[in-house]
């Protein structure tokens, strides 16, 4: 039995949720090939109901449930896919656990306080995609934003001491040009927000506020620095979504 239900748990479950857990236990062998949508379809419920039933049984969501499966030892493909999904799950959970709600609010307040300022968003390498998306969303919210990945331009812009806010995205926090930007901001008393996954990054000592995420050390393509930027994208989304909520509250 994949999910054990004691008397206490049973008392918290509705009849529909009991039927979902029963279906999962009866179809354990097929579960590794199914999604939460498939289970909802087979049980005539919704993905939200399936997720709620699983969580009531002390399991933190469908992905954790699937990871707990005892996969056949001779099915290397299923084992490999399961490990990959586990890596993403660990990364996402660690990001949510490590970022402080107060720090998120501090960063959001920095941005809302810069509504009449020039906001610069910088990042290098694969992080540039996160930078572009974040900057675009800020622009759609009405902020005056300039994003660039050009090292010469970002360093020169950071030397200005006028009315501005600088936001740096850096996975490992070691990029030389970004460190120079951070130094310039500190010297020119420009507010600096740093979003990184490196607690030992030199960027942090120059930041007015920062958010720390987490990235998995197991790299898929070892020859190149193409570590997943999912943690940075998650933090970016949290900031933007909260800004949207604040805008809606004003309406």
Protein backbone atom coordinates (compact mmCIF):
# COMPACT_ATOMS: atom_id res chain seq x y z
CA UNK A 1 0.00 0.00 0.00
CA UNK A 2 1.52 3.29 -1.13
CA UNK A 3 -0.45 5.54 1.22
CA UNK A 4 -1.21 4.25 4.68
CA UNK A 5 -4.29 5.77 6.30
CA UNK A 6 -4.72 5.58 10.04
CA UNK A 7 -7.90 6.36 11.94
CA UNK A 8 -6.96 9.99 12.55
CA UNK A 9 -6.33 10.66 8.85
CA UNK A 10 -9.48 8.82 7.83
CA UNK A 11 -11.55 11.17 9.98
CA UNK A 12 -10.20 14.17 8.04
CA UNK A 13 -10.98 12.77 4.60
CA UNK A 14 -14.21 13.24 2.71
CA UNK A 15 -15.79 10.32 0.83
CA UNK A 16 -14.39 11.68 -2.42
CA UNK A 17 -10.89 11.96 -0.95
CA UNK A 18 -11.09 8.41 0.40
CA UNK A 19 -11.97 7.15 -3.09
CA UNK A 20 -8.96 9.03 -4.51
CA UNK A 21 -6.55 7.47 -2.02
CA UNK A 22 -8.10 4.06 -2.68
CA UNK A 23 -7.58 4.52 -6.43
CA UNK A 24 -3.94 5.49 -5.88
CA UNK A 25 -3.29 2.46 -3.70
CA UNK A 26 -5.06 0.14 -6.16
CA UNK A 27 -3.05 1.47 -9.12
CA UNK A 28 0.41 1.82 -7.61
CA UNK A 29 2.18 0.14 -10.52
CA UNK A 30 0.64 2.50 -13.08
CA UNK A 31 1.14 5.66 -11.02
CA UNK A 32 4.67 6.37 -12.24
CA UNK A 33 3.29 6.87 -15.75
CA UNK A 34 0.37 9.06 -14.66
CA UNK A 35 -0.02 12.75 -13.95
CA UNK A 36 -2.22 14.35 -11.33
CA UNK A 37 -4.61 15.26 -14.17
CA UNK A 38 -4.87 11.58 -15.14
CA UNK A 39 -5.80 10.62 -11.57
CA UNK A 40 -8.40 13.37 -11.41
CA UNK A 41 -9.92 12.13 -14.68
CA UNK A 42 -10.04 8.52 -13.51
CA UNK A 43 -11.64 9.46 -10.18
CA UNK A 44 -14.08 12.01 -11.64
CA UNK A 45 -12.57 14.77 -9.50
CA UNK A 46 -10.19 17.70 -10.05
CA UNK A 47 -6.38 18.03 -9.71
CA UNK A 48 -6.94 20.34 -6.72
CA UNK A 49 -9.03 17.67 -4.98
CA UNK A 50 -6.40 15.01 -5.66
CA UNK A 51 -3.66 17.25 -4.31
CA UNK A 52 -5.67 18.07 -1.19
CA UNK A 53 -6.35 14.39 -0.49
CA UNK A 54 -2.67 13.51 -0.81
CA UNK A 55 -1.60 16.36 1.47
CA UNK A 56 -4.10 15.32 4.13
CA UNK A 57 -2.25 12.01 4.25
CA UNK A 58 0.99 13.76 5.21
CA UNK A 59 2.58 13.80 1.76
CA UNK A 60 3.72 17.13 0.36
CA UNK A 61 2.06 16.96 -3.03
CA UNK A 62 1.84 14.61 -6.00
CA UNK A 63 5.52 14.83 -7.00
CA UNK A 64 6.64 13.70 -3.56
CA UNK A 65 4.14 10.85 -3.73
CA UNK A 66 5.47 9.73 -7.08
CA UNK A 67 9.03 9.90 -5.82
CA UNK A 68 8.14 7.53 -2.99
CA UNK A 69 7.15 4.84 -5.44
CA UNK A 70 9.21 1.67 -5.43
CA UNK A 71 10.03 1.64 -9.12
CA UNK A 72 11.08 -1.63 -10.78
CA UNK A 73 14.86 -2.03 -10.56
CA UNK A 74 15.11 -3.08 -14.19
CA UNK A 75 13.34 0.04 -15.48
CA UNK A 76 16.28 2.45 -15.66
CA UNK A 77 14.39 5.03 -17.72
CA UNK A 78 11.69 5.47 -15.08
CA UNK A 79 14.27 5.65 -12.31
CA UNK A 80 16.25 8.29 -14.21
CA UNK A 81 13.19 10.45 -14.93
CA UNK A 82 12.11 10.18 -11.32
CA UNK A 83 15.52 11.41 -10.12
CA UNK A 84 15.38 14.36 -12.52
CA UNK A 85 11.93 15.33 -11.29
CA UNK A 86 13.15 14.98 -7.72
CA UNK A 87 15.95 17.46 -8.43
CA UNK A 88 13.46 20.05 -9.63
CA UNK A 89 11.22 19.42 -6.64
CA UNK A 90 14.10 19.83 -4.20
CA UNK A 91 15.22 23.04 -5.90
CA UNK A 92 11.74 24.57 -5.80
CA UNK A 93 11.14 23.60 -2.17
CA UNK A 94 14.51 24.94 -1.07
CA UNK A 95 13.90 28.29 -2.77
CA UNK A 96 10.55 28.72 -1.01
CA UNK A 97 12.04 27.76 2.33
CA UNK A 98 15.09 30.01 2.08
CA UNK A 99 13.61 33.31 0.99
CA UNK A 100 12.28 35.43 3.82
CA UNK A 101 8.83 36.98 3.45
CA UNK A 102 10.16 40.15 5.06
CA UNK A 103 12.98 40.30 2.52
CA UNK A 104 10.48 39.89 -0.32
CA UNK A 105 8.46 42.80 1.07
CA UNK A 106 11.63 44.89 1.40
CA UNK A 107 12.48 44.27 -2.26
CA UNK A 108 8.92 44.99 -3.37
CA UNK A 109 8.98 48.25 -1.41
CA UNK A 110 12.26 49.20 -3.07
CA UNK A 111 10.64 48.73 -6.46
CA UNK A 112 7.38 50.52 -5.64
CA UNK A 113 9.44 53.34 -4.19
CA UNK A 114 11.24 53.66 -7.52
CA UNK A 115 8.09 54.38 -9.52
CA UNK A 116 9.52 57.80 -10.47
CA UNK A 117 13.06 56.52 -10.90
CA UNK A 118 15.02 54.80 -13.63
CA UNK A 119 15.26 51.06 -12.86
CA UNK A 120 18.18 49.11 -14.32
CA UNK A 121 18.04 45.30 -14.42
CA UNK A 122 21.32 43.49 -15.15
CA UNK A 123 22.41 39.88 -15.60
CA UNK A 124 24.93 37.88 -17.63
CA UNK A 125 25.02 34.57 -19.47
CA UNK A 126 21.95 32.31 -19.29
CA UNK A 127 20.55 34.60 -16.58
CA UNK A 128 19.85 37.18 -19.30
CA UNK A 129 16.58 35.39 -20.12
CA UNK A 130 15.37 35.89 -16.55
CA UNK A 131 16.44 39.54 -16.70
CA UNK A 132 14.56 40.22 -19.92
CA UNK A 133 11.34 38.62 -18.69
CA UNK A 134 11.51 40.41 -15.34
CA UNK A 135 12.17 43.77 -17.00
CA UNK A 136 9.32 43.29 -19.47
CA UNK A 137 6.85 42.56 -16.68
CA UNK A 138 7.99 45.63 -14.75
CA UNK A 139 7.46 47.71 -17.89
CA UNK A 140 3.95 46.32 -18.27
CA UNK A 141 3.28 47.44 -14.71
CA UNK A 142 4.26 50.96 -15.65
CA UNK A 143 7.84 51.17 -14.39
CA UNK A 144 10.65 52.91 -16.26
CA UNK A 145 12.99 49.97 -16.86
CA UNK A 146 16.13 49.38 -18.86
CA UNK A 147 17.62 45.88 -19.06
CA UNK A 148 20.95 45.00 -20.62
CA UNK A 149 23.45 42.17 -20.67
CA UNK A 150 26.24 44.30 -22.16
CA UNK A 151 29.02 44.46 -19.53
CA UNK A 152 30.40 47.81 -20.69
CA UNK A 153 27.01 49.51 -20.66
CA UNK A 154 25.98 48.15 -17.27
CA UNK A 155 29.24 49.23 -15.63
CA UNK A 156 28.98 52.75 -17.08
CA UNK A 157 25.32 53.11 -16.08
CA UNK A 158 26.14 52.05 -12.53
CA UNK A 159 28.66 54.89 -12.26
CA UNK A 160 25.86 57.42 -12.33
CA UNK A 161 24.64 58.79 -9.02
CA UNK A 162 21.29 60.10 -10.21
CA UNK A 163 17.80 58.96 -9.25
CA UNK A 164 17.87 55.22 -9.98
CA UNK A 165 17.50 51.66 -8.68
CA UNK A 166 19.69 48.77 -9.83
CA UNK A 167 18.56 45.13 -9.69
CA UNK A 168 21.11 42.35 -10.27
CA UNK A 169 20.27 38.73 -11.07
CA UNK A 170 23.16 36.28 -10.67
CA UNK A 171 22.90 32.55 -9.98
CA UNK A 172 26.34 32.05 -8.41
CA UNK A 173 27.11 35.71 -7.67
CA UNK A 174 30.64 35.56 -9.07
CA UNK A 175 30.39 37.47 -12.37
CA UNK A 176 33.16 40.06 -12.46
CA UNK A 177 31.16 42.77 -14.24
CA UNK A 178 28.25 42.44 -11.84
CA UNK A 179 30.59 42.76 -8.85
CA UNK A 180 31.94 45.97 -10.40
CA UNK A 181 28.37 47.24 -10.86
CA UNK A 182 27.63 46.49 -7.21
CA UNK A 183 30.77 48.35 -6.09
CA UNK A 184 29.79 51.37 -8.18
CA UNK A 185 26.30 51.40 -6.69
CA UNK A 186 27.72 51.31 -3.19
CA UNK A 187 30.17 54.14 -3.87
CA UNK A 188 27.51 56.29 -5.54
CA UNK A 189 24.88 55.52 -2.86
CA UNK A 190 22.55 53.95 -5.40
CA UNK A 191 20.02 51.46 -4.02
CA UNK A 192 20.92 47.95 -5.12
CA UNK A 193 18.78 44.80 -5.05
CA UNK A 194 20.61 41.49 -5.52
CA UNK A 195 18.86 38.23 -6.38
CA UNK A 196 21.22 35.26 -6.22
CA UNK A 197 21.60 31.69 -4.98
CA UNK A 198 25.07 32.17 -3.46
CA UNK A 199 25.15 33.03 0.23
CA UNK A 200 28.89 33.79 0.00
CA UNK A 201 28.63 36.09 -3.02
CA UNK A 202 30.56 39.39 -2.74
CA UNK A 203 27.51 41.07 -4.26
CA UNK A 204 25.64 40.80 -0.97
CA UNK A 205 27.84 43.20 0.98
CA UNK A 206 26.98 46.00 -1.45
CA UNK A 207 23.22 45.33 -1.59
CA UNK A 208 20.55 47.49 0.02
CA UNK A 209 18.36 44.36 -0.03
CA UNK A 210 18.83 40.86 -1.39
CA UNK A 211 16.96 37.57 -1.87
CA UNK A 212 18.77 34.24 -1.58
CA UNK A 213 17.55 31.20 -3.46
CA UNK A 214 19.03 27.74 -3.98
CA UNK A 215 20.33 25.86 -7.00
CA UNK A 216 21.03 22.15 -7.27
CA UNK A 217 24.75 21.38 -7.51
CA UNK A 218 24.18 18.48 -9.90
CA UNK A 219 24.72 20.00 -13.37
CA UNK A 220 23.23 18.25 -16.41
CA UNK A 221 25.70 19.61 -19.01
CA UNK A 222 29.00 19.70 -17.15
CA UNK A 223 31.08 21.13 -19.99
CA UNK A 224 29.23 24.46 -19.89
CA UNK A 225 27.80 26.77 -17.25
CA UNK A 226 24.15 26.16 -18.10
CA UNK A 227 22.86 25.40 -14.62
CA UNK A 228 19.10 25.79 -14.38
CA UNK A 229 17.89 29.34 -13.72
CA UNK A 230 14.56 28.07 -12.34
CA UNK A 231 15.37 29.40 -8.83
CA UNK A 232 15.91 32.93 -10.17
CA UNK A 233 12.75 32.68 -12.27
CA UNK A 234 10.77 31.60 -9.22
CA UNK A 235 11.95 34.58 -7.17
CA UNK A 236 11.28 36.88 -10.12
CA UNK A 237 7.73 35.57 -10.36
CA UNK A 238 7.10 36.01 -6.64
CA UNK A 239 8.18 39.65 -6.82
CA UNK A 240 6.11 40.41 -9.92
CA UNK A 241 3.00 38.64 -8.62
CA UNK A 242 3.16 40.57 -5.37
CA UNK A 243 3.57 43.84 -7.26
CA UNK A 244 0.45 42.95 -9.24
CA UNK A 245 -1.43 42.27 -6.01
CA UNK A 246 -0.39 45.63 -4.63
CA UNK A 247 -1.54 47.37 -7.82
CA UNK A 248 -4.90 45.58 -7.66
CA UNK A 249 -5.36 46.72 -4.06
CA UNK A 250 -5.05 50.31 -5.20
CA UNK A 251 -7.80 49.95 -7.81
